Amino acid sequence: MNGRLFTSNINGASLFLPAAGWRYDSSLYGSSSGGRYWSRTLDSSTGYAFNLGFDSGNVYWSGNERNLGRSVRAVRVP
């Protein structure tokens, strides 16, 4: 399965996020090559939600309108 493994610099814990792609309007983009995952963090100045994105060569953190199709991965933080 394509995706990306993220490993904590603090405790070495790992999390694999599948390259599930993302939706915009009714179209699916980046399936099997990238992903966008919502966080619970909101930008207080815009009301946008932050999401973690990745593709074959990049990882980034950005804010987007909350009506966009992003994956959700529940993660318990100890």
PDB file of N, CA and C in Angstrom:
ATOM      1  N   MET A   1       0.845  -1.174   0.000  1.00  0.00           N
ATOM      2  CA  MET A   1       0.000   0.000   0.000  1.00  0.00           C
ATOM      3  C   MET A   1       0.898   1.246   0.000  1.00  0.00           C
ATOM      4  N   ASN A   2       0.612   2.190  -0.869  1.00  0.00           N
ATOM      5  CA  ASN A   2       1.360   3.438  -0.919  1.00  0.00           C
ATOM      6  C   ASN A   2       0.938   4.346   0.220  1.00  0.00           C
ATOM      7  N   GLY A   3       1.880   5.126   0.709  1.00  0.00           N
ATOM      8  CA  GLY A   3       1.618   6.058   1.787  1.00  0.00           C
ATOM      9  C   GLY A   3       2.918   6.551   2.367  1.00  0.00           C
ATOM     10  N   ARG A   4       2.837   7.067   3.577  1.00  0.00           N
ATOM     11  CA  ARG A   4       4.028   7.611   4.208  1.00  0.00           C
ATOM     12  C   ARG A   4       4.030   7.258   5.684  1.00  0.00           C
ATOM     13  N   LEU A   5       5.224   6.885   6.168  1.00  0.00           N
ATOM     14  CA  LEU A   5       5.421   6.575   7.576  1.00  0.00           C
ATOM     15  C   LEU A   5       6.008   7.803   8.256  1.00  0.00           C
ATOM     16  N   PHE A   6       5.345   8.254   9.311  1.00  0.00           N
ATOM     17  CA  PHE A   6       5.822   9.383  10.106  1.00  0.00           C
ATOM     18  C   PHE A   6       6.302   8.839  11.445  1.00  0.00           C
ATOM     19  N   THR A   7       7.472   9.292  11.885  1.00  0.00           N
ATOM     20  CA  THR A   7       8.046   8.832  13.142  1.00  0.00           C
ATOM     21  C   THR A   7       8.362  10.031  14.024  1.00  0.00           C
ATOM     22  N   SER A   8       7.953   9.956  15.274  1.00  0.00           N
ATOM     23  CA  SER A   8       8.164  11.039  16.232  1.00  0.00           C
ATOM     24  C   SER A   8       9.633  11.182  16.587  1.00  0.00           C
ATOM     25  N   ASN A   9      10.113  12.417  16.605  1.00  0.00           N
ATOM     26  CA  ASN A   9      11.466  12.701  17.078  1.00  0.00           C
ATOM     27  C   ASN A   9      11.528  12.659  18.597  1.00  0.00           C
ATOM     28  N   ILE A  10      10.386  12.696  19.245  1.00  0.00           N
ATOM     29  CA  ILE A  10      10.332  12.746  20.708  1.00  0.00           C
ATOM     30  C   ILE A  10      10.365  11.354  21.326  1.00  0.00           C
ATOM     31  N   ASN A  11       9.466  10.456  20.875  1.00  0.00           N
ATOM     32  CA  ASN A  11       9.394   9.142  21.513  1.00  0.00           C
ATOM     33  C   ASN A  11       9.559   7.968  20.548  1.00  0.00           C
ATOM     34  N   GLY A  12       9.781   8.229  19.283  1.00  0.00           N
ATOM     35  CA  GLY A  12       9.994   7.160  18.307  1.00  0.00           C
ATOM     36  C   GLY A  12       8.739   6.459  17.836  1.00  0.00           C
ATOM     37  N   ALA A  13       7.556   6.889  18.304  1.00  0.00           N
ATOM     38  CA  ALA A  13       6.301   6.289  17.869  1.00  0.00           C
ATOM     39  C   ALA A  13       6.092   6.569  16.378  1.00  0.00           C
ATOM     40  N   SER A  14       5.477   5.615  15.697  1.00  0.00           N
ATOM     41  CA  SER A  14       5.262   5.749  14.254  1.00  0.00           C
ATOM     42  C   SER A  14       3.786   5.720  13.907  1.00  0.00           C
ATOM     43  N   LEU A  15       3.464   6.356  12.792  1.00  0.00           N
ATOM     44  CA  LEU A  15       2.114   6.388  12.264  1.00  0.00           C
ATOM     45  C   LEU A  15       2.202   6.298  10.744  1.00  0.00           C
ATOM     46  N   PHE A  16       1.520   5.327  10.161  1.00  0.00           N
ATOM     47  CA  PHE A  16       1.478   5.187   8.706  1.00  0.00           C
ATOM     48  C   PHE A  16       0.178   5.796   8.192  1.00  0.00           C
ATOM     49  N   LEU A  17       0.291   6.696   7.232  1.00  0.00           N
ATOM     50  CA  LEU A  17      -0.882   7.297   6.597  1.00  0.00           C
ATOM     51  C   LEU A  17      -0.939   6.837   5.137  1.00  0.00           C
ATOM     52  N   PRO A  18      -1.992   6.127   4.764  1.00  0.00           N
ATOM     53  CA  PRO A  18      -2.127   5.676   3.380  1.00  0.00           C
ATOM     54  C   PRO A  18      -2.282   6.850   2.410  1.00  0.00           C
ATOM     55  N   ALA A  19      -1.827   6.661   1.197  1.00  0.00           N
ATOM     56  CA  ALA A  19      -1.997   7.654   0.131  1.00  0.00           C
ATOM     57  C   ALA A  19      -3.416   7.520  -0.411  1.00  0.00           C
ATOM     58  N   ALA A  20      -4.366   8.071   0.337  1.00  0.00           N
ATOM     59  CA  ALA A  20      -5.784   7.926   0.013  1.00  0.00           C
ATOM     60  C   ALA A  20      -6.273   9.002  -0.941  1.00  0.00           C
ATOM     61  N   GLY A  21      -5.420   9.978  -1.262  1.00  0.00           N
ATOM     62  CA  GLY A  21      -5.835  11.062  -2.138  1.00  0.00           C
ATOM     63  C   GLY A  21      -6.692  12.075  -1.388  1.00  0.00           C
ATOM     64  N   TRP A  22      -7.393  12.928  -2.154  1.00  0.00           N
ATOM     65  CA  TRP A  22      -8.268  13.937  -1.577  1.00  0.00           C
ATOM     66  C   TRP A  22      -9.323  14.302  -2.601  1.00  0.00           C
ATOM     67  N   ARG A  23     -10.410  14.847  -2.132  1.00  0.00           N
ATOM     68  CA  ARG A  23     -11.511  15.241  -3.017  1.00  0.00           C
ATOM     69  C   ARG A  23     -11.610  16.757  -3.126  1.00  0.00           C
ATOM     70  N   TYR A  24     -11.934  17.196  -4.308  1.00  0.00           N
ATOM     71  CA  TYR A  24     -12.272  18.587  -4.561  1.00  0.00           C
ATOM     72  C   TYR A  24     -13.472  18.554  -5.494  1.00  0.00           C
ATOM     73  N   ASP A  25     -14.559  19.183  -5.061  1.00  0.00           N
ATOM     74  CA  ASP A  25     -15.843  19.040  -5.761  1.00  0.00           C
ATOM     75  C   ASP A  25     -16.166  17.547  -5.825  1.00  0.00           C
ATOM     76  N   SER A  26     -16.413  17.015  -6.986  1.00  0.00           N
ATOM     77  CA  SER A  26     -16.757  15.594  -7.072  1.00  0.00           C
ATOM     78  C   SER A  26     -15.595  14.744  -7.591  1.00  0.00           C
ATOM     79  N   SER A  27     -14.410  15.332  -7.716  1.00  0.00           N
ATOM     80  CA  SER A  27     -13.269  14.605  -8.280  1.00  0.00           C
ATOM     81  C   SER A  27     -12.302  14.135  -7.198  1.00  0.00           C
ATOM     82  N   LEU A  28     -11.675  12.993  -7.434  1.00  0.00           N
ATOM     83  CA  LEU A  28     -10.658  12.438  -6.552  1.00  0.00           C
ATOM     84  C   LEU A  28      -9.293  12.694  -7.166  1.00  0.00           C
ATOM     85  N   TYR A  29      -8.374  13.229  -6.367  1.00  0.00           N
ATOM     86  CA  TYR A  29      -7.018  13.532  -6.821  1.00  0.00           C
ATOM     87  C   TYR A  29      -6.003  12.802  -5.953  1.00  0.00           C
ATOM     88  N   GLY A  30      -4.863  12.479  -6.542  1.00  0.00           N
ATOM     89  CA  GLY A  30      -3.728  11.952  -5.790  1.00  0.00           C
ATOM     90  C   GLY A  30      -3.889  10.565  -5.211  1.00  0.00           C
ATOM     91  N   SER A  31      -4.920   9.852  -5.608  1.00  0.00           N
ATOM     92  CA  SER A  31      -5.112   8.509  -5.077  1.00  0.00           C
ATOM     93  C   SER A  31      -3.894   7.650  -5.404  1.00  0.00           C
ATOM     94  N   SER A  32      -3.343   7.017  -4.416  1.00  0.00           N
ATOM     95  CA  SER A  32      -2.153   6.148  -4.464  1.00  0.00           C
ATOM     96  C   SER A  32      -0.839   6.917  -4.585  1.00  0.00           C
ATOM     97  N   SER A  33      -0.877   8.262  -4.635  1.00  0.00           N
ATOM     98  CA  SER A  33       0.378   9.011  -4.693  1.00  0.00           C
ATOM     99  C   SER A  33       0.494  10.067  -3.602  1.00  0.00           C
ATOM    100  N   GLY A  34      -0.600  10.392  -2.928  1.00  0.00           N
ATOM    101  CA  GLY A  34      -0.544  11.420  -1.892  1.00  0.00           C
ATOM    102  C   GLY A  34      -1.764  11.372  -1.009  1.00  0.00           C
ATOM    103  N   GLY A  35      -1.794  12.235  -0.037  1.00  0.00           N
ATOM    104  CA  GLY A  35      -2.924  12.274   0.868  1.00  0.00           C
ATOM    105  C   GLY A  35      -3.040  13.612   1.570  1.00  0.00           C
ATOM    106  N   ARG A  36      -4.205  13.876   2.105  1.00  0.00           N
ATOM    107  CA  ARG A  36      -4.482  15.058   2.916  1.00  0.00           C
ATOM    108  C   ARG A  36      -5.274  14.567   4.119  1.00  0.00           C
ATOM    109  N   TYR A  37      -4.816  14.908   5.301  1.00  0.00           N
ATOM    110  CA  TYR A  37      -5.450  14.441   6.532  1.00  0.00           C
ATOM    111  C   TYR A  37      -5.770  15.618   7.433  1.00  0.00           C
ATOM    112  N   TRP A  38      -7.031  15.709   7.837  1.00  0.00           N
ATOM    113  CA  TRP A  38      -7.456  16.780   8.732  1.00  0.00           C
ATOM    114  C   TRP A  38      -6.811  16.640  10.097  1.00  0.00           C
ATOM    115  N   SER A  39      -6.543  17.768  10.716  1.00  0.00           N
ATOM    116  CA  SER A  39      -6.176  17.801  12.130  1.00  0.00           C
ATOM    117  C   SER A  39      -7.364  18.392  12.880  1.00  0.00           C
ATOM    118  N   ARG A  40      -7.270  18.440  14.175  1.00  0.00           N
ATOM    119  CA  ARG A  40      -8.342  19.075  14.948  1.00  0.00           C
ATOM    120  C   ARG A  40      -8.052  20.548  15.190  1.00  0.00           C
ATOM    121  N   THR A  41      -6.948  21.044  14.688  1.00  0.00           N
ATOM    122  CA  THR A  41      -6.505  22.414  14.923  1.00  0.00           C
ATOM    123  C   THR A  41      -7.132  23.383  13.933  1.00  0.00           C
ATOM    124  N   LEU A  42      -7.726  24.452  14.454  1.00  0.00           N
ATOM    125  CA  LEU A  42      -8.303  25.500  13.619  1.00  0.00           C
ATOM    126  C   LEU A  42      -7.440  26.746  13.655  1.00  0.00           C
ATOM    127  N   ASP A  43      -7.386  27.445  12.547  1.00  0.00           N
ATOM    128  CA  ASP A  43      -6.735  28.748  12.475  1.00  0.00           C
ATOM    129  C   ASP A  43      -7.744  29.772  12.979  1.00  0.00           C
ATOM    130  N   SER A  44      -7.484  30.362  14.128  1.00  0.00           N
ATOM    131  CA  SER A  44      -8.463  31.256  14.752  1.00  0.00           C
ATOM    132  C   SER A  44      -8.737  32.506  13.919  1.00  0.00           C
ATOM    133  N   SER A  45      -7.813  32.906  13.058  1.00  0.00           N
ATOM    134  CA  SER A  45      -8.028  34.123  12.270  1.00  0.00           C
ATOM    135  C   SER A  45      -8.894  33.879  11.028  1.00  0.00           C
ATOM    136  N   THR A  46      -8.891  32.653  10.493  1.00  0.00           N
ATOM    137  CA  THR A  46      -9.650  32.377   9.264  1.00  0.00           C
ATOM    138  C   THR A  46     -10.789  31.378   9.470  1.00  0.00           C
ATOM    139  N   GLY A  47     -10.723  30.587  10.527  1.00  0.00           N
ATOM    140  CA  GLY A  47     -11.695  29.519  10.731  1.00  0.00           C
ATOM    141  C   GLY A  47     -11.383  28.275   9.917  1.00  0.00           C
ATOM    142  N   TYR A  48     -10.291  28.314   9.144  1.00  0.00           N
ATOM    143  CA  TYR A  48      -9.883  27.148   8.368  1.00  0.00           C
ATOM    144  C   TYR A  48      -9.353  26.069   9.301  1.00  0.00           C
ATOM    145  N   ALA A  49      -9.446  24.828   8.872  1.00  0.00           N
ATOM    146  CA  ALA A  49      -8.874  23.711   9.609  1.00  0.00           C
ATOM    147  C   ALA A  49      -7.513  23.371   8.991  1.00  0.00           C
ATOM    148  N   PHE A  50      -6.563  23.029   9.841  1.00  0.00           N
ATOM    149  CA  PHE A  50      -5.247  22.638   9.340  1.00  0.00           C
ATOM    150  C   PHE A  50      -5.262  21.180   8.908  1.00  0.00           C
ATOM    151  N   ASN A  51      -4.502  20.894   7.864  1.00  0.00           N
ATOM    152  CA  ASN A  51      -4.367  19.512   7.417  1.00  0.00           C
ATOM    153  C   ASN A  51      -2.936  19.228   7.016  1.00  0.00           C
ATOM    154  N   LEU A  52      -2.562  17.974   7.204  1.00  0.00           N
ATOM    155  CA  LEU A  52      -1.248  17.487   6.826  1.00  0.00           C
ATOM    156  C   LEU A  52      -1.367  16.904   5.437  1.00  0.00           C
ATOM    157  N   GLY A  53      -0.523  17.339   4.531  1.00  0.00           N
ATOM    158  CA  GLY A  53      -0.542  16.830   3.171  1.00  0.00           C
ATOM    159  C   GLY A  53       0.791  16.225   2.799  1.00  0.00           C
ATOM    160  N   PHE A  54       0.769  15.268   1.904  1.00  0.00           N
ATOM    161  CA  PHE A  54       2.016  14.699   1.402  1.00  0.00           C
ATOM    162  C   PHE A  54       1.802  14.174  -0.006  1.00  0.00           C
ATOM    163  N   ASP A  55       2.898  14.142  -0.755  1.00  0.00           N
ATOM    164  CA  ASP A  55       2.920  13.489  -2.054  1.00  0.00           C
ATOM    165  C   ASP A  55       4.249  12.772  -2.158  1.00  0.00           C
ATOM    166  N   SER A  56       4.676  12.425  -3.331  1.00  0.00           N
ATOM    167  CA  SER A  56       5.880  11.607  -3.473  1.00  0.00           C
ATOM    168  C   SER A  56       7.146  12.267  -2.934  1.00  0.00           C
ATOM    169  N   GLY A  57       7.193  13.580  -2.877  1.00  0.00           N
ATOM    170  CA  GLY A  57       8.419  14.221  -2.430  1.00  0.00           C
ATOM    171  C   GLY A  57       8.272  15.262  -1.341  1.00  0.00           C
ATOM    172  N   ASN A  58       7.054  15.615  -0.957  1.00  0.00           N
ATOM    173  CA  ASN A  58       6.851  16.718  -0.031  1.00  0.00           C
ATOM    174  C   ASN A  58       5.890  16.355   1.091  1.00  0.00           C
ATOM    175  N   VAL A  59       6.099  17.018   2.221  1.00  0.00           N
ATOM    176  CA  VAL A  59       5.157  16.956   3.340  1.00  0.00           C
ATOM    177  C   VAL A  59       4.896  18.402   3.728  1.00  0.00           C
ATOM    178  N   TYR A  60       3.651  18.755   3.954  1.00  0.00           N
ATOM    179  CA  TYR A  60       3.353  20.145   4.305  1.00  0.00           C
ATOM    180  C   TYR A  60       2.131  20.215   5.211  1.00  0.00           C
ATOM    181  N   TRP A  61       2.003  21.342   5.866  1.00  0.00           N
ATOM    182  CA  TRP A  61       0.935  21.643   6.809  1.00  0.00           C
ATOM    183  C   TRP A  61       0.258  22.882   6.267  1.00  0.00           C
ATOM    184  N   SER A  62      -1.055  22.823   6.021  1.00  0.00           N
ATOM    185  CA  SER A  62      -1.729  23.995   5.468  1.00  0.00           C
ATOM    186  C   SER A  62      -3.137  24.112   6.036  1.00  0.00           C
ATOM    187  N   GLY A  63      -3.721  25.277   5.875  1.00  0.00           N
ATOM    188  CA  GLY A  63      -5.091  25.502   6.306  1.00  0.00           C
ATOM    189  C   GLY A  63      -6.019  25.520   5.104  1.00  0.00           C
ATOM    190  N   ASN A  64      -7.177  24.908   5.248  1.00  0.00           N
ATOM    191  CA  ASN A  64      -8.152  24.869   4.165  1.00  0.00           C
ATOM    192  C   ASN A  64      -9.559  25.015   4.716  1.00  0.00           C
ATOM    193  N   GLU A  65     -10.452  25.412   3.825  1.00  0.00           N
ATOM    194  CA  GLU A  65     -11.863  25.457   4.185  1.00  0.00           C
ATOM    195  C   GLU A  65     -12.307  24.057   4.592  1.00  0.00           C
ATOM    196  N   ARG A  66     -13.183  23.984   5.555  1.00  0.00           N
ATOM    197  CA  ARG A  66     -13.574  22.692   6.110  1.00  0.00           C
ATOM    198  C   ARG A  66     -14.543  21.899   5.241  1.00  0.00           C
ATOM    199  N   ASN A  67     -14.944  22.419   4.094  1.00  0.00           N
ATOM    200  CA  ASN A  67     -15.847  21.671   3.215  1.00  0.00           C
ATOM    201  C   ASN A  67     -15.097  20.824   2.198  1.00  0.00           C
ATOM    202  N   LEU A  68     -13.777  20.817   2.223  1.00  0.00           N
ATOM    203  CA  LEU A  68     -12.996  20.020   1.279  1.00  0.00           C
ATOM    204  C   LEU A  68     -12.893  18.577   1.751  1.00  0.00           C
ATOM    205  N   GLY A  69     -12.758  17.654   0.830  1.00  0.00           N
ATOM    206  CA  GLY A  69     -12.697  16.234   1.157  1.00  0.00           C
ATOM    207  C   GLY A  69     -11.306  15.804   1.555  1.00  0.00           C
ATOM    208  N   ARG A  70     -11.114  15.613   2.840  1.00  0.00           N
ATOM    209  CA  ARG A  70      -9.847  15.143   3.387  1.00  0.00           C
ATOM    210  C   ARG A  70     -10.107  13.888   4.204  1.00  0.00           C
ATOM    211  N   SER A  71      -9.107  13.054   4.329  1.00  0.00           N
ATOM    212  CA  SER A  71      -9.238  11.865   5.160  1.00  0.00           C
ATOM    213  C   SER A  71      -9.107  12.243   6.629  1.00  0.00           C
ATOM    214  N   VAL A  72      -9.594  11.359   7.478  1.00  0.00           N
ATOM    215  CA  VAL A  72      -9.493  11.544   8.923  1.00  0.00           C
ATOM    216  C   VAL A  72      -8.875  10.282   9.499  1.00  0.00           C
ATOM    217  N   ARG A  73      -7.871  10.457  10.322  1.00  0.00           N
ATOM    218  CA  ARG A  73      -7.234   9.324  10.991  1.00  0.00           C
ATOM    219  C   ARG A  73      -7.230   9.630  12.478  1.00  0.00           C
ATOM    220  N   ALA A  74      -8.028   8.910  13.240  1.00  0.00           N
ATOM    221  CA  ALA A  74      -8.084   9.138  14.683  1.00  0.00           C
ATOM    222  C   ALA A  74      -6.787   8.662  15.332  1.00  0.00           C
ATOM    223  N   VAL A  75      -6.165   9.556  16.088  1.00  0.00           N
ATOM    224  CA  VAL A  75      -4.913   9.241  16.762  1.00  0.00           C
ATOM    225  C   VAL A  75      -5.040   9.659  18.213  1.00  0.00           C
ATOM    226  N   ARG A  76      -4.753   8.753  19.098  1.00  0.00           N
ATOM    227  CA  ARG A  76      -4.773   9.072  20.527  1.00  0.00           C
ATOM    228  C   ARG A  76      -3.391   9.546  20.916  1.00  0.00           C
ATOM    229  N   VAL A  77      -3.321  10.731  21.493  1.00  0.00           N
ATOM    230  CA  VAL A  77      -2.054  11.283  21.952  1.00  0.00           C
ATOM    231  C   VAL A  77      -1.952  11.035  23.448  1.00  0.00           C
ATOM    232  N   PRO A  78      -0.940  10.292  23.874  1.00  0.00           N
ATOM    233  CA  PRO A  78      -0.817  10.001  25.312  1.00  0.00           C
ATOM    234  C   PRO A  78      -0.544  11.242  26.134  1.00  0.00           C
TER     235      PRO A  78
END
